[in-house]
Protein backbone atom coordinates (compact mmCIF):
# COMPACT_ATOMS: atom_id res chain seq x y z
CA UNK A 1 153.73 63.26 313.18
CA UNK A 2 154.20 63.85 316.77
CA UNK A 3 154.38 60.16 317.57
CA UNK A 4 156.73 59.69 314.84
CA UNK A 5 158.79 62.48 316.44
CA UNK A 6 158.98 60.65 319.67
CA UNK A 7 160.99 57.82 317.90
CA UNK A 8 163.71 60.37 317.51
CA UNK A 9 163.57 61.51 321.03
CA UNK A 10 163.74 57.65 322.03
CA UNK A 11 167.06 57.21 320.18
CA UNK A 12 168.59 60.54 321.94
CA UNK A 13 167.33 59.25 325.47
CA UNK A 14 169.21 56.10 324.84
CA UNK A 15 172.34 57.82 323.76
CA UNK A 16 172.26 60.14 326.93
CA UNK A 17 171.66 57.04 329.15
CA UNK A 18 174.38 55.09 327.84
CA UNK A 19 177.12 57.40 327.52
CA UNK A 20 178.25 57.01 330.97
CA UNK A 21 179.38 53.47 330.29
CA UNK A 22 182.40 54.29 328.19
CA UNK A 23 183.30 56.96 330.65
CA UNK A 24 183.43 54.59 333.53
CA UNK A 25 185.15 51.83 331.48
CA UNK A 26 187.93 54.36 330.39
CA UNK A 27 188.13 55.72 334.19
CA UNK A 28 188.38 52.17 335.51
CA UNK A 29 191.31 51.30 333.18
CA UNK A 30 193.09 54.60 334.03
CA UNK A 31 192.51 54.62 337.72
CA UNK A 32 193.55 50.86 338.03
CA UNK A 33 196.60 51.30 336.03
CA UNK A 34 197.48 54.48 338.23
CA UNK A 35 197.15 52.61 341.37
CA UNK A 36 199.43 49.62 340.27
CA UNK A 37 201.99 51.92 338.31
CA UNK A 38 204.83 53.18 340.02
CA UNK A 39 207.21 55.91 338.92
CA UNK A 40 210.18 57.95 340.36
CA UNK A 41 211.48 57.39 343.90
CA UNK A 42 209.72 60.58 345.26
CA UNK A 43 208.47 59.45 348.65
CA UNK A 44 210.04 61.13 351.62
CA UNK A 45 212.63 58.95 353.58
CA UNK A 46 211.92 55.91 351.20
CA UNK A 47 213.60 54.53 348.19
CA UNK A 48 210.16 53.16 347.03
CA UNK A 49 208.77 54.51 343.82
CA UNK A 50 205.56 56.26 344.21
CA UNK A 51 202.28 55.29 342.92
CA UNK A 52 201.47 57.66 340.17
CA UNK A 53 197.88 58.07 341.41
CA UNK A 54 199.51 59.75 344.39
CA UNK A 55 200.73 62.47 342.23
CA UNK A 56 198.51 65.56 342.39
CA UNK A 57 198.87 66.44 338.88
CA UNK A 58 197.30 63.04 337.87
CA UNK A 59 194.52 63.51 340.44
CA UNK A 60 193.45 66.84 338.87
CA UNK A 61 193.13 64.87 335.44
CA UNK A 62 191.15 62.05 336.48
CA UNK A 63 189.08 63.38 339.52
CA UNK A 64 187.15 65.88 337.42
CA UNK A 65 186.49 63.15 334.89
CA UNK A 66 185.20 61.05 337.55
CA UNK A 67 182.78 63.53 338.71
CA UNK A 68 181.66 64.24 334.98
CA UNK A 69 180.84 60.38 334.78
CA UNK A 70 178.95 60.30 338.05
CA UNK A 71 176.96 63.59 337.26
CA UNK A 72 176.08 62.30 333.87
CA UNK A 73 175.14 59.02 335.08
CA UNK A 74 172.84 60.58 337.69
CA UNK A 75 171.20 63.19 335.15
CA UNK A 76 170.52 60.19 332.92
CA UNK A 77 168.20 58.74 335.31
CA UNK A 78 166.30 61.85 335.38
CA UNK A 79 166.17 62.08 331.57
CA UNK A 80 164.97 58.41 331.40
CA UNK A 81 162.30 58.96 334.02
CA UNK A 82 161.10 62.26 332.32
CA UNK A 83 160.94 60.70 329.01
CA UNK A 84 158.91 57.62 330.33
CA UNK A 85 156.46 60.13 331.87
CA UNK A 86 156.15 61.92 328.42
CA UNK A 87 155.45 58.73 326.75
CA UNK A 88 152.74 57.91 328.97
CA UNK A 89 151.22 61.33 328.32
CA UNK A 90 151.58 60.61 324.53
CA UNK A 91 149.47 57.32 325.22
CA UNK A 92 146.68 59.59 326.50
CA UNK A 93 147.11 62.18 323.68
CA UNK A 94 148.78 64.57 325.98
CA UNK A 95 151.58 66.17 323.94
CA UNK A 96 152.34 69.14 326.55
CA UNK A 97 155.76 67.81 327.53
CA UNK A 98 157.19 67.25 324.07
CA UNK A 99 158.68 70.67 323.78
CA UNK A 100 160.60 70.75 326.77
CA UNK A 101 161.81 67.02 326.45
CA UNK A 102 163.09 67.83 322.96
CA UNK A 103 165.00 70.70 324.36
CA UNK A 104 166.40 68.69 327.32
CA UNK A 105 167.62 65.97 325.16
CA UNK A 106 168.99 68.14 322.40
CA UNK A 107 170.91 70.03 324.98
CA UNK A 108 171.87 66.99 327.13
CA UNK A 109 172.69 64.82 324.14
CA UNK A 110 175.01 67.49 322.74
CA UNK A 111 177.00 67.95 326.07
CA UNK A 112 177.14 64.22 327.16
CA UNK A 113 178.48 62.94 323.76
CA UNK A 114 181.16 65.70 323.39
CA UNK A 115 182.17 65.07 327.20
CA UNK A 116 182.33 61.37 326.87
CA UNK A 117 184.66 61.65 323.96
CA UNK A 118 186.90 64.08 325.71
CA UNK A 119 186.97 62.08 328.72
CA UNK A 120 187.97 58.77 327.18
CA UNK A 121 190.90 60.58 325.50
CA UNK A 122 192.14 62.30 328.78
CA UNK A 123 191.95 58.98 330.56
CA UNK A 124 193.95 57.54 327.63
CA UNK A 125 196.59 60.31 327.90
CA UNK A 126 197.09 59.64 331.47
CA UNK A 127 198.32 56.36 331.08
CA UNK A 128 201.10 57.29 328.89
CA UNK A 129 202.35 55.14 326.24
CA UNK A 130 200.60 51.96 327.89
CA UNK A 131 197.29 53.61 326.95
CA UNK A 132 198.22 54.09 323.33
CA UNK A 133 198.43 50.33 322.54
CA UNK A 134 195.41 48.72 321.39
CA UNK A 135 195.42 46.10 323.98
CA UNK A 136 195.01 48.79 326.60
CA UNK A 137 191.26 48.74 325.48
CA UNK A 138 190.96 52.52 324.87
CA UNK A 139 190.87 52.30 321.28
CA UNK A 140 187.83 50.00 321.12
CA UNK A 141 186.09 52.26 323.66
CA UNK A 142 186.71 55.36 321.73
CA UNK A 143 185.98 53.72 318.41
CA UNK A 144 182.55 52.78 319.65
CA UNK A 145 181.94 56.06 321.33
CA UNK A 146 183.17 58.64 318.74
CA UNK A 147 180.28 58.56 316.39
CA UNK A 148 177.85 59.89 319.03
CA UNK A 149 178.51 63.53 318.62
CA UNK A 150 177.24 63.27 315.21
CA UNK A 151 174.82 60.31 315.49
CA UNK A 152 171.02 61.50 315.57
CA UNK A 153 172.02 65.00 314.89
CA UNK A 154 175.26 67.02 314.90
CA UNK A 155 175.91 68.56 318.23
CA UNK A 156 176.33 72.23 317.05
CA UNK A 157 172.90 71.83 315.23
CA UNK A 158 171.30 70.19 318.27
CA UNK A 159 172.46 73.15 320.46
CA UNK A 160 171.07 75.70 318.22
CA UNK A 161 167.77 73.91 318.37
CA UNK A 162 167.83 73.96 322.14
CA UNK A 163 168.13 77.83 321.94
CA UNK A 164 164.65 78.14 320.62
CA UNK A 165 163.04 76.92 323.84
CA UNK A 166 164.98 79.08 325.84
CA UNK A 167 163.78 82.11 323.94
CA UNK A 168 160.38 80.68 324.56
CA UNK A 169 160.81 80.35 328.16
CA UNK A 170 162.09 84.00 328.43
CA UNK A 171 158.93 85.23 326.78
CA UNK A 172 156.85 82.77 329.12
CA UNK A 173 158.71 84.48 332.22
CA UNK A 174 158.03 88.19 330.91
CA UNK A 175 154.40 87.48 330.09
CA UNK A 176 153.49 86.47 333.71
CA UNK A 177 156.32 87.57 336.13
CA UNK A 178 154.06 86.10 339.10
CA UNK A 179 154.25 82.65 337.76
CA UNK A 180 157.53 80.55 338.22
CA UNK A 181 158.63 78.36 335.28
CA UNK A 182 158.58 74.77 336.31
CA UNK A 183 161.69 72.71 337.46
CA UNK A 184 164.49 72.82 336.20
CA UNK A 185 163.96 76.08 334.31
CA UNK A 186 162.75 78.25 337.37
CA UNK A 187 165.89 80.29 337.42
CA UNK A 188 164.86 81.93 334.19
CA UNK A 189 161.96 83.65 336.12
CA UNK A 190 164.51 85.22 338.30
CA UNK A 191 167.06 86.65 335.80
CA UNK A 192 167.03 90.20 337.13
CA UNK A 193 167.15 89.13 340.86
CA UNK A 194 170.17 86.73 340.08
CA UNK A 195 172.05 89.49 338.13
CA UNK A 196 171.64 91.76 341.36
CA UNK A 197 173.74 89.53 343.54
CA UNK A 198 177.32 90.11 344.29
CA UNK A 199 180.51 89.77 346.25
CA UNK A 200 180.23 85.80 346.55
CA UNK A 201 183.20 83.61 347.12
CA UNK A 202 185.06 85.76 349.53
CA UNK A 203 186.38 82.50 351.43
CA UNK A 204 187.36 78.94 350.45
CA UNK A 205 184.34 77.51 352.34
CA UNK A 206 182.03 79.80 350.60
CA UNK A 207 183.54 78.91 347.39
CA UNK A 208 182.51 75.03 348.31
CA UNK A 209 179.05 76.03 349.25
CA UNK A 210 176.60 74.39 346.83
CA UNK A 211 174.14 77.44 346.83
CA UNK A 212 177.05 79.56 345.91
CA UNK A 213 178.19 77.37 343.14
CA UNK A 214 174.58 76.75 341.85
CA UNK A 215 174.11 80.47 341.98
CA UNK A 216 177.23 81.04 339.95
CA UNK A 217 176.03 78.60 337.14
CA UNK A 218 172.71 80.21 337.28
CA UNK A 219 174.14 83.69 337.05
CA UNK A 220 176.38 82.87 334.24
CA UNK A 221 173.58 81.45 332.25
CA UNK A 222 171.09 84.37 333.28
CA UNK A 223 173.74 86.89 332.10
CA UNK A 224 174.32 85.28 328.73
CA UNK A 225 170.57 84.66 328.14
CA UNK A 226 169.75 88.52 328.96
CA UNK A 227 172.45 89.66 326.77
CA UNK A 228 171.58 87.56 323.79
CA UNK A 229 167.88 87.90 323.78
CA UNK A 230 168.69 91.69 324.09
CA UNK A 231 171.16 91.59 321.12
CA UNK A 232 168.79 89.61 318.78
CA UNK A 233 165.60 91.66 319.65
CA UNK A 234 167.43 95.06 319.07
CA UNK A 235 168.71 93.77 315.56
CA UNK A 236 166.75 94.97 312.48
CA UNK A 237 168.42 92.35 310.22
CA UNK A 238 166.04 89.65 308.75
CA UNK A 239 165.71 86.48 310.89
CA UNK A 240 167.89 84.44 308.71
CA UNK A 241 170.83 86.71 308.86
CA UNK A 242 170.20 86.77 312.80
CA UNK A 243 170.29 83.12 313.05
CA UNK A 244 173.13 82.14 310.64
CA UNK A 245 175.51 85.25 310.57
CA UNK A 246 175.10 87.38 313.50
CA UNK A 247 174.20 85.75 316.51
CA UNK A 248 174.70 81.88 316.14
CA UNK A 249 177.85 81.62 318.23
CA UNK A 250 176.07 83.96 320.91
CA UNK A 251 173.38 81.54 321.22
CA UNK A 252 175.70 78.48 321.49
CA UNK A 253 177.55 80.16 324.33
CA UNK A 254 174.17 80.86 326.00
CA UNK A 255 172.60 77.62 325.69
CA UNK A 256 175.85 75.76 326.81
CA UNK A 257 175.80 77.83 330.12
CA UNK A 258 172.01 77.04 330.26
CA UNK A 259 172.68 73.20 329.89
CA UNK A 260 175.36 73.23 332.43
CA UNK A 261 173.05 74.93 335.08
CA UNK A 262 170.47 72.40 334.16
CA UNK A 263 172.86 69.59 334.75
CA UNK A 264 174.06 70.82 338.06
CA UNK A 265 170.49 71.52 339.21
CA UNK A 266 169.27 67.99 338.19
CA UNK A 267 172.18 66.45 339.68
CA UNK A 268 171.82 68.18 343.12
CA UNK A 269 168.19 67.35 343.13
CA UNK A 270 168.53 63.84 342.50
CA UNK A 271 171.38 63.31 344.99
CA UNK A 272 169.51 65.28 347.75
CA UNK A 273 166.16 63.80 347.25
CA UNK A 274 167.37 60.17 347.36
CA UNK A 275 166.94 58.22 350.63
CA UNK A 276 170.39 56.58 350.89
CA UNK A 277 170.89 53.43 353.05
CA UNK A 278 174.39 54.21 353.80
CA UNK A 279 174.87 58.00 355.17
CA UNK A 280 178.33 58.26 353.78
CA UNK A 281 177.31 58.02 350.22
CA UNK A 282 175.38 61.34 349.84
CA UNK A 283 178.29 63.45 351.03
CA UNK A 284 180.89 61.73 348.49
CA UNK A 285 178.29 62.30 345.61
CA UNK A 286 177.78 65.91 346.56
CA UNK A 287 181.70 66.44 346.65
CA UNK A 288 181.87 65.04 343.23
CA UNK A 289 179.10 67.46 342.39
CA UNK A 290 181.05 70.54 343.80
CA UNK A 291 184.19 69.33 341.83
CA UNK A 292 181.96 69.18 338.64
CA UNK A 293 180.49 72.63 339.28
CA UNK A 294 183.87 74.33 340.07
CA UNK A 295 185.44 73.05 336.92
CA UNK A 296 182.32 73.97 334.87
CA UNK A 297 182.59 77.50 336.37
CA UNK A 298 186.33 77.78 335.49
CA UNK A 299 185.79 76.74 331.77
CA UNK A 300 184.26 80.07 331.38
CA UNK A 301 184.30 82.41 334.35
CA UNK A 302 184.18 85.54 332.57
CA UNK A 303 180.46 86.22 332.35
CA UNK A 304 180.16 85.47 336.05
CA UNK A 305 182.83 88.16 336.86
CA UNK A 306 181.18 90.43 334.34
CA UNK A 307 177.70 90.12 336.01
CA UNK A 308 179.46 91.17 339.55
CA UNK A 309 178.58 87.94 341.11
CA UNK A 310 181.98 86.87 342.44
CA UNK A 311 184.26 88.69 344.87
CA UNK A 312 187.84 89.51 343.54
CA UNK A 313 190.37 86.54 343.77
CA UNK A 314 187.88 83.90 343.54
CA UNK A 315 189.75 81.81 341.07
CA UNK A 316 192.62 81.52 343.31
CA UNK A 317 190.03 80.13 346.00
CA UNK A 318 188.68 77.81 343.50
CA UNK A 319 191.93 76.16 342.77
CA UNK A 320 192.58 75.82 346.59
CA UNK A 321 189.16 74.37 347.01
CA UNK A 322 189.69 71.92 344.28
CA UNK A 323 193.03 70.96 345.88
CA UNK A 324 191.11 70.32 349.12
CA UNK A 325 188.29 68.14 347.57
CA UNK A 326 190.59 66.24 345.16
CA UNK A 327 192.91 65.36 348.16
CA UNK A 328 189.75 64.30 350.28
CA UNK A 329 188.44 62.01 347.68
CA UNK A 330 191.99 60.13 347.00
CA UNK A 331 191.12 57.22 349.32
CA UNK A 332 187.77 56.68 347.64
CA UNK A 333 188.83 56.92 343.96
CA UNK A 334 189.07 53.12 343.37
CA UNK A 335 185.99 52.12 345.28
CA UNK A 336 183.98 54.89 343.48
CA UNK A 337 185.11 53.63 339.92
CA UNK A 338 184.71 50.02 340.73
CA UNK A 339 181.08 50.74 341.57
CA UNK A 340 180.16 51.25 337.84
CA UNK A 341 183.24 49.25 336.20
CA UNK A 342 182.41 46.75 333.55
CA UNK A 343 183.45 43.24 333.65
CA UNK A 344 186.88 42.32 332.05
CA UNK A 345 184.94 40.21 329.49
CA UNK A 346 183.02 43.31 328.41
CA UNK A 347 186.01 45.67 328.19
CA UNK A 348 189.22 43.45 327.77
CA UNK A 349 192.46 45.36 328.81
CA UNK A 350 196.09 44.43 329.68
CA UNK A 351 196.82 47.40 331.80
CA UNK A 352 193.51 48.05 333.74
CA UNK A 353 191.82 44.64 334.53
CA UNK A 354 190.18 43.98 337.84
CA UNK A 355 193.04 41.71 339.16
CA UNK A 356 195.66 44.52 338.89
CA UNK A 357 198.43 42.10 337.35
CA UNK A 358 198.99 44.60 334.51
CA UNK A 359 202.62 43.63 333.67
CA UNK A 360 202.05 39.81 333.81
CA UNK A 361 199.09 40.37 331.35
CA UNK A 362 200.84 42.52 328.94
CA UNK A 363 203.70 39.76 328.68
CA UNK A 364 201.25 37.02 328.35
CA UNK A 365 199.38 38.82 325.50
CA UNK A 366 202.49 39.87 323.72
CA UNK A 367 203.61 36.22 323.81
CA UNK A 368 200.47 35.18 322.42
CA UNK A 369 200.36 37.84 319.60
CA UNK A 370 199.86 36.59 316.27
CA UNK A 371 202.51 38.71 314.76
CA UNK A 372 205.05 36.36 316.51
CA UNK A 373 204.00 33.55 314.12
CA UNK A 374 205.55 35.44 311.21
CA UNK A 375 208.83 35.68 312.55
CA UNK A 376 211.81 33.87 310.57
CA UNK A 377 214.35 32.46 312.96
CA UNK A 378 213.15 34.91 315.43
CA UNK A 379 213.54 38.17 313.22
CA UNK A 380 210.12 39.70 312.28
CA UNK A 381 209.48 40.33 308.49
CA UNK A 382 209.15 44.14 309.34
CA UNK A 383 212.92 44.10 310.09
CA UNK A 384 213.72 43.56 306.32
CA UNK A 385 211.10 45.58 304.88
CA UNK A 386 211.03 48.68 306.90
CA UNK A 387 213.91 48.94 309.56
CA UNK A 388 216.91 47.71 307.55
CA UNK A 389 216.65 50.27 304.70
CA UNK A 390 216.47 53.19 306.99
CA UNK A 391 219.80 52.05 308.61
CA UNK A 392 221.27 52.27 305.09
CA UNK A 393 219.63 55.60 304.42
CA UNK A 394 217.34 54.13 301.69
CA UNK A 395 213.79 54.50 302.84
CA UNK A 396 211.30 52.27 301.01
CA UNK A 397 208.93 54.05 298.79
CA UNK A 398 205.98 51.71 298.49
CA UNK A 399 202.37 52.67 297.38
CA UNK A 400 199.42 50.50 297.47
CA UNK A 401 199.01 48.69 294.06
CA UNK A 402 195.03 49.26 294.35
CA UNK A 403 195.34 53.04 293.93
CA UNK A 404 193.64 54.51 290.86
CA UNK A 405 195.72 54.68 287.86
CA UNK A 406 195.49 58.48 287.52
CA UNK A 407 196.90 58.82 291.20
CA UNK A 408 199.77 56.13 290.49
CA UNK A 409 200.59 57.94 287.53
CA UNK A 410 201.47 61.26 289.64
CA UNK A 411 203.58 59.22 292.27
């Protein structure tokens, strides 16, 4: 049975390891379009229109999504390597790694698939009306990605499954306080110590410190874990009532914070332990990690303040830190996304191809559209059927002929 169970884990591993592809494909379209598209003459002492990629608002939309794509891609490598190690153990009848691997895959599959869908839509919306057209490429990317949040397990169910292992880890940590839990769960052994830290983030530089950001993510998870475990243990209701009616949402919030901390911990470990041939790469990847961490913290900063970890006004400093880092990464945005961009043959698009000739491509594709062959004397058939009746205040009322008779009778 355990070997069969590993088959399901294989599918979840592949999902986690492939979800960065649609994210980078969407980012490539959005960033290439933003580099070519110009709008509004807002450049000081110039009549030339500004590249939309130079608008701060667009940068704050796309740079966090770029950081998510790099983080997920890097963590996916850790997932793949860990899964391979587990399978080697199974071949030798060693099943000890299956529980932790199931937990990791349940949490990361839920997080990564949700983030991928949200990221694709953000990229699409950042391109305005051009991204709405099917020829932009976004519709195909989203069509192929949107099943993932429910494929091989609904994400809410997976997160609830992941909570069981968190409770198990808490019990292990309490049973033997002198023994630290293995990577990347070691922070659970130090919950009380983490919750005693206070006053962090008193300056912008401190807010950007990797240790401070890692500590904030750990404190949020530790605070929610402690409160959830305590609430569940103090309740005298039956287990089924606890799991389904009282503490399900509390567990979801807890495990989301836990998975976010694991994500950053693994990403940082992977980047810092790698021997980079070019010394400029590591600082860029760590900067993306900082942006990811700050955005993750700001999504739910309440528990961190409740725990006393942050000094007052830290939210303002985080926004200032984001401004600094996003501005710093601006010259690297196109090179970074091109590292992972797919071929134009894999992701056909008329607004974000690798050549940058978006307007020429849009005109060419429009001329070649099959809809042009249905025109009568240069007038499309839709004019007579849909547009003309509206001009005469006579909207057409048409219903498909293949509707059931019971439905047609009511129309």
